[in-house]
PDB file of all heavy atoms in Angstrom:
ATOM      1  N   ALA A   1      48.972   3.921  16.848  1.00  0.00           N
ATOM      2  CA  ALA A   1      47.807   4.518  16.201  1.00  0.00           C
ATOM      3  C   ALA A   1      47.593   3.924  14.814  1.00  0.00           C
ATOM      4  O   ALA A   1      46.449   3.634  14.415  1.00  0.00           O
ATOM      5  CB  ALA A   1      47.971   6.035  16.111  1.00  0.00           C
ATOM      6  N   ASP A   2      48.672   3.734  14.057  1.00  0.00           N
ATOM      7  CA  ASP A   2      48.549   3.115  12.734  1.00  0.00           C
ATOM      8  C   ASP A   2      48.034   1.687  12.847  1.00  0.00           C
ATOM      9  O   ASP A   2      47.201   1.242  12.054  1.00  0.00           O
ATOM     10  CB  ASP A   2      49.897   3.121  12.008  1.00  0.00           C
ATOM     11  CG  ASP A   2      50.298   4.503  11.525  1.00  0.00           C
ATOM     12  OD1 ASP A   2      49.414   5.384  11.462  1.00  0.00           O
ATOM     13  OD2 ASP A   2      51.485   4.719  11.225  1.00  0.00           O
ATOM     14  N   GLY A   3      48.535   0.955  13.859  1.00  0.00           N
ATOM     15  CA  GLY A   3      48.057  -0.402  14.061  1.00  0.00           C
ATOM     16  C   GLY A   3      46.578  -0.438  14.416  1.00  0.00           C
ATOM     17  O   GLY A   3      45.833  -1.300  13.939  1.00  0.00           O
ATOM     18  N   ALA A   4      46.145   0.517  15.248  1.00  0.00           N
ATOM     19  CA  ALA A   4      44.728   0.595  15.594  1.00  0.00           C
ATOM     20  C   ALA A   4      43.887   0.922  14.368  1.00  0.00           C
ATOM     21  O   ALA A   4      42.798   0.372  14.173  1.00  0.00           O
ATOM     22  CB  ALA A   4      44.519   1.643  16.685  1.00  0.00           C
ATOM     23  N   ALA A   5      44.402   1.831  13.513  1.00  0.00           N
ATOM     24  CA  ALA A   5      43.671   2.202  12.308  1.00  0.00           C
ATOM     25  C   ALA A   5      43.510   1.021  11.362  1.00  0.00           C
ATOM     26  O   ALA A   5      42.443   0.820  10.768  1.00  0.00           O
ATOM     27  CB  ALA A   5      44.388   3.354  11.590  1.00  0.00           C
ATOM     28  N   VAL A   6      44.573   0.218  11.221  1.00  0.00           N
ATOM     29  CA  VAL A   6      44.502  -0.959  10.346  1.00  0.00           C
ATOM     30  C   VAL A   6      43.417  -1.917  10.830  1.00  0.00           C
ATOM     31  O   VAL A   6      42.687  -2.521  10.026  1.00  0.00           O
ATOM     32  CB  VAL A   6      45.875  -1.666  10.295  1.00  0.00           C
ATOM     33  CG1 VAL A   6      45.756  -3.019   9.607  1.00  0.00           C
ATOM     34  CG2 VAL A   6      46.890  -0.792   9.569  1.00  0.00           C
ATOM     35  N   ARG A   7      43.279  -2.055  12.137  1.00  0.00           N
ATOM     36  CA  ARG A   7      42.279  -2.970  12.679  1.00  0.00           C
ATOM     37  C   ARG A   7      40.869  -2.384  12.639  1.00  0.00           C
ATOM     38  O   ARG A   7      39.894  -3.105  12.450  1.00  0.00           O
ATOM     39  CB  ARG A   7      42.629  -3.321  14.125  1.00  0.00           C
ATOM     40  CG  ARG A   7      43.906  -4.136  14.268  1.00  0.00           C
ATOM     41  CD  ARG A   7      44.145  -4.533  15.721  1.00  0.00           C
ATOM     42  NE  ARG A   7      45.341  -5.338  15.865  1.00  0.00           N
ATOM     43  CZ  ARG A   7      45.758  -5.850  17.015  1.00  0.00           C
ATOM     44  NH1 ARG A   7      45.055  -5.617  18.111  1.00  0.00           N
ATOM     45  NH2 ARG A   7      46.861  -6.572  17.069  1.00  0.00           N
ATOM     46  N   LEU A   8      40.755  -1.079  12.813  1.00  0.00           N
ATOM     47  CA  LEU A   8      39.432  -0.468  12.923  1.00  0.00           C
ATOM     48  C   LEU A   8      38.778  -0.193  11.575  1.00  0.00           C
ATOM     49  O   LEU A   8      37.562  -0.312  11.437  1.00  0.00           O
ATOM     50  CB  LEU A   8      39.526   0.853  13.706  1.00  0.00           C
ATOM     51  CG  LEU A   8      39.859   0.749  15.192  1.00  0.00           C
ATOM     52  CD1 LEU A   8      40.060   2.138  15.781  1.00  0.00           C
ATOM     53  CD2 LEU A   8      38.743   0.023  15.935  1.00  0.00           C
ATOM     54  N   LEU A   9      39.576   0.189  10.576  1.00  0.00           N
ATOM     55  CA  LEU A   9      39.020   0.611   9.289  1.00  0.00           C
ATOM     56  C   LEU A   9      38.833  -0.587   8.375  1.00  0.00           C
ATOM     57  O   LEU A   9      39.748  -1.373   8.162  1.00  0.00           O
ATOM     58  CB  LEU A   9      39.929   1.649   8.633  1.00  0.00           C
ATOM     59  CG  LEU A   9      40.165   2.928   9.455  1.00  0.00           C
ATOM     60  CD1 LEU A   9      41.160   3.832   8.757  1.00  0.00           C
ATOM     61  CD2 LEU A   9      38.850   3.669   9.699  1.00  0.00           C
ATOM     62  N   ARG A  10      37.649  -0.681   7.796  1.00  0.00           N
ATOM     63  CA  ARG A  10      37.327  -1.782   6.904  1.00  0.00           C
ATOM     64  C   ARG A  10      36.710  -1.230   5.618  1.00  0.00           C
ATOM     65  O   ARG A  10      35.856  -0.350   5.650  1.00  0.00           O
ATOM     66  CB  ARG A  10      36.321  -2.747   7.566  1.00  0.00           C
ATOM     67  CG  ARG A  10      36.898  -3.493   8.761  1.00  0.00           C
ATOM     68  CD  ARG A  10      37.918  -4.533   8.317  1.00  0.00           C
ATOM     69  NE  ARG A  10      38.453  -5.290   9.438  1.00  0.00           N
ATOM     70  CZ  ARG A  10      39.540  -4.954  10.109  1.00  0.00           C
ATOM     71  NH1 ARG A  10      40.214  -3.870   9.753  1.00  0.00           N
ATOM     72  NH2 ARG A  10      39.978  -5.691  11.116  1.00  0.00           N
ATOM     73  N   GLY A  11      37.115  -1.779   4.498  1.00  0.00           N
ATOM     74  CA  GLY A  11      36.542  -1.354   3.225  1.00  0.00           C
ATOM     75  C   GLY A  11      37.205  -0.117   2.660  1.00  0.00           C
ATOM     76  O   GLY A  11      37.827   0.669   3.383  1.00  0.00           O
ATOM     77  N   GLN A  12      37.073   0.074   1.339  1.00  0.00           N
ATOM     78  CA  GLN A  12      37.704   1.197   0.667  1.00  0.00           C
ATOM     79  C   GLN A  12      37.193   2.536   1.174  1.00  0.00           C
ATOM     80  O   GLN A  12      37.952   3.492   1.315  1.00  0.00           O
ATOM     81  CB  GLN A  12      37.452   1.087  -0.845  1.00  0.00           C
ATOM     82  CG  GLN A  12      38.223   2.086  -1.694  1.00  0.00           C
ATOM     83  CD  GLN A  12      39.719   1.863  -1.627  1.00  0.00           C
ATOM     84  OE1 GLN A  12      40.173   0.748  -1.463  1.00  0.00           O
ATOM     85  NE2 GLN A  12      40.489   2.934  -1.742  1.00  0.00           N
ATOM     86  N   GLY A  13      35.884   2.610   1.476  1.00  0.00           N
ATOM     87  CA  GLY A  13      35.316   3.875   1.948  1.00  0.00           C
ATOM     88  C   GLY A  13      35.920   4.306   3.271  1.00  0.00           C
ATOM     89  O   GLY A  13      36.307   5.470   3.438  1.00  0.00           O
ATOM     90  N   GLU A  14      36.008   3.392   4.229  1.00  0.00           N
ATOM     91  CA  GLU A  14      36.573   3.727   5.532  1.00  0.00           C
ATOM     92  C   GLU A  14      38.065   4.033   5.428  1.00  0.00           C
ATOM     93  O   GLU A  14      38.569   4.918   6.112  1.00  0.00           O
ATOM     94  CB  GLU A  14      36.341   2.583   6.519  1.00  0.00           C
ATOM     95  CG  GLU A  14      34.891   2.439   6.970  1.00  0.00           C
ATOM     96  CD  GLU A  14      34.757   1.511   8.169  1.00  0.00           C
ATOM     97  OE1 GLU A  14      35.792   1.072   8.693  1.00  0.00           O
ATOM     98  OE2 GLU A  14      33.609   1.250   8.584  1.00  0.00           O
ATOM     99  N   LEU A  15      38.774   3.308   4.558  1.00  0.00           N
ATOM    100  CA  LEU A  15      40.202   3.578   4.387  1.00  0.00           C
ATOM    101  C   LEU A  15      40.444   4.974   3.837  1.00  0.00           C
ATOM    102  O   LEU A  15      41.360   5.686   4.268  1.00  0.00           O
ATOM    103  CB  LEU A  15      40.831   2.535   3.462  1.00  0.00           C
ATOM    104  CG  LEU A  15      41.082   1.148   4.057  1.00  0.00           C
ATOM    105  CD1 LEU A  15      41.563   0.190   2.985  1.00  0.00           C
ATOM    106  CD2 LEU A  15      42.101   1.233   5.188  1.00  0.00           C
ATOM    107  N   GLY A  16      39.621   5.393   2.878  1.00  0.00           N
ATOM    108  CA  GLY A  16      39.772   6.734   2.307  1.00  0.00           C
ATOM    109  C   GLY A  16      39.523   7.810   3.341  1.00  0.00           C
ATOM    110  O   GLY A  16      40.302   8.769   3.460  1.00  0.00           O
ATOM    111  N   LEU A  17      38.442   7.653   4.102  1.00  0.00           N
ATOM    112  CA  LEU A  17      38.147   8.638   5.143  1.00  0.00           C
ATOM    113  C   LEU A  17      39.208   8.621   6.235  1.00  0.00           C
ATOM    114  O   LEU A  17      39.620   9.668   6.741  1.00  0.00           O
ATOM    115  CB  LEU A  17      36.767   8.354   5.745  1.00  0.00           C
ATOM    116  CG  LEU A  17      35.559   8.647   4.854  1.00  0.00           C
ATOM    117  CD1 LEU A  17      34.279   8.181   5.531  1.00  0.00           C
ATOM    118  CD2 LEU A  17      35.475  10.142   4.540  1.00  0.00           C
ATOM    119  N   GLY A  18      39.668   7.432   6.594  1.00  0.00           N
ATOM    120  CA  GLY A  18      40.691   7.333   7.628  1.00  0.00           C
ATOM    121  C   GLY A  18      41.996   7.978   7.208  1.00  0.00           C
ATOM    122  O   GLY A  18      42.671   8.622   8.014  1.00  0.00           O
ATOM    123  N   ASN A  19      42.370   7.841   5.932  1.00  0.00           N
ATOM    124  CA  ASN A  19      43.595   8.457   5.428  1.00  0.00           C
ATOM    125  C   ASN A  19      43.492   9.975   5.459  1.00  0.00           C
ATOM    126  O   ASN A  19      44.447  10.679   5.803  1.00  0.00           O
ATOM    127  CB  ASN A  19      43.874   7.974   4.002  1.00  0.00           C
ATOM    128  CG  ASN A  19      45.248   8.376   3.513  1.00  0.00           C
ATOM    129  OD1 ASN A  19      46.245   8.191   4.195  1.00  0.00           O
ATOM    130  ND2 ASN A  19      45.299   8.957   2.331  1.00  0.00           N
ATOM    131  N   THR A  20      42.310  10.505   5.109  1.00  0.00           N
ATOM    132  CA  THR A  20      42.104  11.950   5.165  1.00  0.00           C
ATOM    133  C   THR A  20      42.166  12.457   6.603  1.00  0.00           C
ATOM    134  O   THR A  20      42.775  13.486   6.891  1.00  0.00           O
ATOM    135  CB  THR A  20      40.737  12.319   4.548  1.00  0.00           C
ATOM    136  OG1 THR A  20      40.706  11.879   3.185  1.00  0.00           O
ATOM    137  CG2 THR A  20      40.505  13.819   4.594  1.00  0.00           C
ATOM    138  N   VAL A  21      41.538  11.709   7.534  1.00  0.00           N
ATOM    139  CA  VAL A  21      41.572  12.084   8.953  1.00  0.00           C
ATOM    140  C   VAL A  21      43.003  12.080   9.471  1.00  0.00           C
ATOM    141  O   VAL A  21      43.412  12.956  10.243  1.00  0.00           O
ATOM    142  CB  VAL A  21      40.682  11.130   9.774  1.00  0.00           C
ATOM    143  CG1 VAL A  21      40.974  11.261  11.260  1.00  0.00           C
ATOM    144  CG2 VAL A  21      39.216  11.427   9.509  1.00  0.00           C
ATOM    145  N   GLN A  22      43.795  11.107   9.024  1.00  0.00           N
ATOM    146  CA  GLN A  22      45.181  11.019   9.465  1.00  0.00           C
ATOM    147  C   GLN A  22      45.963  12.272   9.076  1.00  0.00           C
ATOM    148  O   GLN A  22      46.621  12.898   9.918  1.00  0.00           O
ATOM    149  CB  GLN A  22      45.852   9.790   8.851  1.00  0.00           C
ATOM    150  CG  GLN A  22      47.344   9.697   9.165  1.00  0.00           C
ATOM    151  CD  GLN A  22      48.019   8.582   8.388  1.00  0.00           C
ATOM    152  OE1 GLN A  22      47.436   7.980   7.498  1.00  0.00           O
ATOM    153  NE2 GLN A  22      49.263   8.313   8.724  1.00  0.00           N
ATOM    154  N   VAL A  23      45.906  12.634   7.807  1.00  0.00           N
ATOM    155  CA  VAL A  23      46.685  13.778   7.325  1.00  0.00           C
ATOM    156  C   VAL A  23      46.164  15.089   7.893  1.00  0.00           C
ATOM    157  O   VAL A  23      46.928  15.929   8.382  1.00  0.00           O
ATOM    158  CB  VAL A  23      46.687  13.813   5.780  1.00  0.00           C
ATOM    159  CG1 VAL A  23      47.421  15.051   5.267  1.00  0.00           C
ATOM    160  CG2 VAL A  23      47.335  12.550   5.222  1.00  0.00           C
ATOM    161  N   VAL A  24      44.845  15.269   7.849  1.00  0.00           N
ATOM    162  CA  VAL A  24      44.254  16.530   8.317  1.00  0.00           C
ATOM    163  C   VAL A  24      44.419  16.682   9.829  1.00  0.00           C
ATOM    164  O   VAL A  24      44.737  17.766  10.327  1.00  0.00           O
ATOM    165  CB  VAL A  24      42.768  16.608   7.917  1.00  0.00           C
ATOM    166  CG1 VAL A  24      42.103  17.822   8.551  1.00  0.00           C
ATOM    167  CG2 VAL A  24      42.639  16.685   6.403  1.00  0.00           C
ATOM    168  N   GLY A  25      44.203  15.589  10.580  1.00  0.00           N
ATOM    169  CA  GLY A  25      44.363  15.658  12.030  1.00  0.00           C
ATOM    170  C   GLY A  25      45.785  16.006  12.423  1.00  0.00           C
ATOM    171  O   GLY A  25      46.022  16.839  13.307  1.00  0.00           O
ATOM    172  N   TYR A  26      46.752  15.393  11.761  1.00  0.00           N
ATOM    173  CA  TYR A  26      48.162  15.669  12.053  1.00  0.00           C
ATOM    174  C   TYR A  26      48.500  17.129  11.758  1.00  0.00           C
ATOM    175  O   TYR A  26      49.178  17.797  12.548  1.00  0.00           O
ATOM    176  CB  TYR A  26      49.037  14.739  11.213  1.00  0.00           C
ATOM    177  CG  TYR A  26      50.507  14.799  11.524  1.00  0.00           C
ATOM    178  CD1 TYR A  26      51.060  13.985  12.502  1.00  0.00           C
ATOM    179  CD2 TYR A  26      51.347  15.674  10.851  1.00  0.00           C
ATOM    180  CE1 TYR A  26      52.409  14.025  12.794  1.00  0.00           C
ATOM    181  CE2 TYR A  26      52.701  15.730  11.142  1.00  0.00           C
ATOM    182  CZ  TYR A  26      53.236  14.902  12.101  1.00  0.00           C
ATOM    183  OH  TYR A  26      54.566  14.964  12.393  1.00  0.00           O
ATOM    184  N   LYS A  27      48.016  17.628  10.633  1.00  0.00           N
ATOM    185  CA  LYS A  27      48.316  19.013  10.272  1.00  0.00           C
ATOM    186  C   LYS A  27      47.582  19.997  11.177  1.00  0.00           C
ATOM    187  O   LYS A  27      48.106  21.077  11.466  1.00  0.00           O
ATOM    188  CB  LYS A  27      47.966  19.263   8.808  1.00  0.00           C
ATOM    189  CG  LYS A  27      48.901  18.542   7.859  1.00  0.00           C
ATOM    190  CD  LYS A  27      48.619  18.889   6.416  1.00  0.00           C
ATOM    191  CE  LYS A  27      49.656  18.212   5.513  1.00  0.00           C
ATOM    192  NZ  LYS A  27      49.448  18.527   4.084  1.00  0.00           N
ATOM    193  N   ALA A  28      46.395  19.628  11.618  1.00  0.00           N
ATOM    194  CA  ALA A  28      45.670  20.501  12.550  1.00  0.00           C
ATOM    195  C   ALA A  28      46.438  20.628  13.865  1.00  0.00           C
ATOM    196  O   ALA A  28      46.526  21.714  14.455  1.00  0.00           O
ATOM    197  CB  ALA A  28      44.267  19.949  12.806  1.00  0.00           C
ATOM    198  N   GLY A  29      47.013  19.524  14.328  1.00  0.00           N
ATOM    199  CA  GLY A  29      47.847  19.587  15.528  1.00  0.00           C
ATOM    200  C   GLY A  29      49.074  20.439  15.313  1.00  0.00           C
ATOM    201  O   GLY A  29      49.502  21.185  16.205  1.00  0.00           O
ATOM    202  N   SER A  30      49.646  20.347  14.110  1.00  0.00           N
ATOM    203  CA  SER A  30      50.809  21.170  13.782  1.00  0.00           C
ATOM    204  C   SER A  30      50.452  22.649  13.746  1.00  0.00           C
ATOM    205  O   SER A  30      51.218  23.498  14.211  1.00  0.00           O
ATOM    206  CB  SER A  30      51.384  20.728  12.429  1.00  0.00           C
ATOM    207  OG  SER A  30      52.475  21.531  12.049  1.00  0.00           O
ATOM    208  N   VAL A  31      49.269  22.969  13.194  1.00  0.00           N
ATOM    209  CA  VAL A  31      48.809  24.361  13.167  1.00  0.00           C
ATOM    210  C   VAL A  31      48.578  24.886  14.580  1.00  0.00           C
ATOM    211  O   VAL A  31      48.955  26.014  14.918  1.00  0.00           O
ATOM    212  CB  VAL A  31      47.511  24.478  12.342  1.00  0.00           C
ATOM    213  CG1 VAL A  31      46.896  25.865  12.498  1.00  0.00           C
ATOM    214  CG2 VAL A  31      47.792  24.208  10.874  1.00  0.00           C
ATOM    215  N   PHE A  32      47.972  24.060  15.419  1.00  0.00           N
ATOM    216  CA  PHE A  32      47.714  24.463  16.798  1.00  0.00           C
ATOM    217  C   PHE A  32      49.004  24.824  17.526  1.00  0.00           C
ATOM    218  O   PHE A  32      49.097  25.851  18.207  1.00  0.00           O
ATOM    219  CB  PHE A  32      46.996  23.323  17.526  1.00  0.00           C
ATOM    220  CG  PHE A  32      46.918  23.501  19.021  1.00  0.00           C
ATOM    221  CD1 PHE A  32      46.079  24.453  19.577  1.00  0.00           C
ATOM    222  CD2 PHE A  32      47.684  22.715  19.861  1.00  0.00           C
ATOM    223  CE1 PHE A  32      46.012  24.623  20.965  1.00  0.00           C
ATOM    224  CE2 PHE A  32      47.629  22.872  21.234  1.00  0.00           C
ATOM    225  CZ  PHE A  32      46.786  23.830  21.787  1.00  0.00           C
ATOM    226  N   ALA A  33      50.042  23.986  17.348  1.00  0.00           N
ATOM    227  CA  ALA A  33      51.302  24.214  18.047  1.00  0.00           C
ATOM    228  C   ALA A  33      52.165  25.256  17.356  1.00  0.00           C
ATOM    229  O   ALA A  33      52.738  26.134  18.011  1.00  0.00           O
ATOM    230  CB  ALA A  33      52.080  22.898  18.172  1.00  0.00           C
ATOM    231  N   GLY A  34      52.284  25.159  16.026  1.00  0.00           N
ATOM    232  CA  GLY A  34      53.191  26.040  15.302  1.00  0.00           C
ATOM    233  C   GLY A  34      52.623  27.388  14.959  1.00  0.00           C
ATOM    234  O   GLY A  34      53.378  28.336  14.709  1.00  0.00           O
ATOM    235  N   GLY A  35      51.300  27.507  14.951  1.00  0.00           N
ATOM    236  CA  GLY A  35      50.681  28.779  14.625  1.00  0.00           C
ATOM    237  C   GLY A  35      49.984  29.423  15.809  1.00  0.00           C
ATOM    238  O   GLY A  35      50.304  30.538  16.208  1.00  0.00           O
ATOM    239  N   GLY A  36      49.029  28.692  16.387  1.00  0.00           N
ATOM    240  CA  GLY A  36      48.263  29.252  17.500  1.00  0.00           C
ATOM    241  C   GLY A  36      49.120  29.580  18.703  1.00  0.00           C
ATOM    242  O   GLY A  36      49.029  30.684  19.268  1.00  0.00           O
TER     243      GLY A  36
END
């Protein structure tokens, strides 16, 4: 997934959004499993 992200994301704007999606998506999955 990290390798795909490196290839797909271009420019500072996309990198910033991609980094936020990475952290938030991972934590959302953790909330789903650990909380829900």
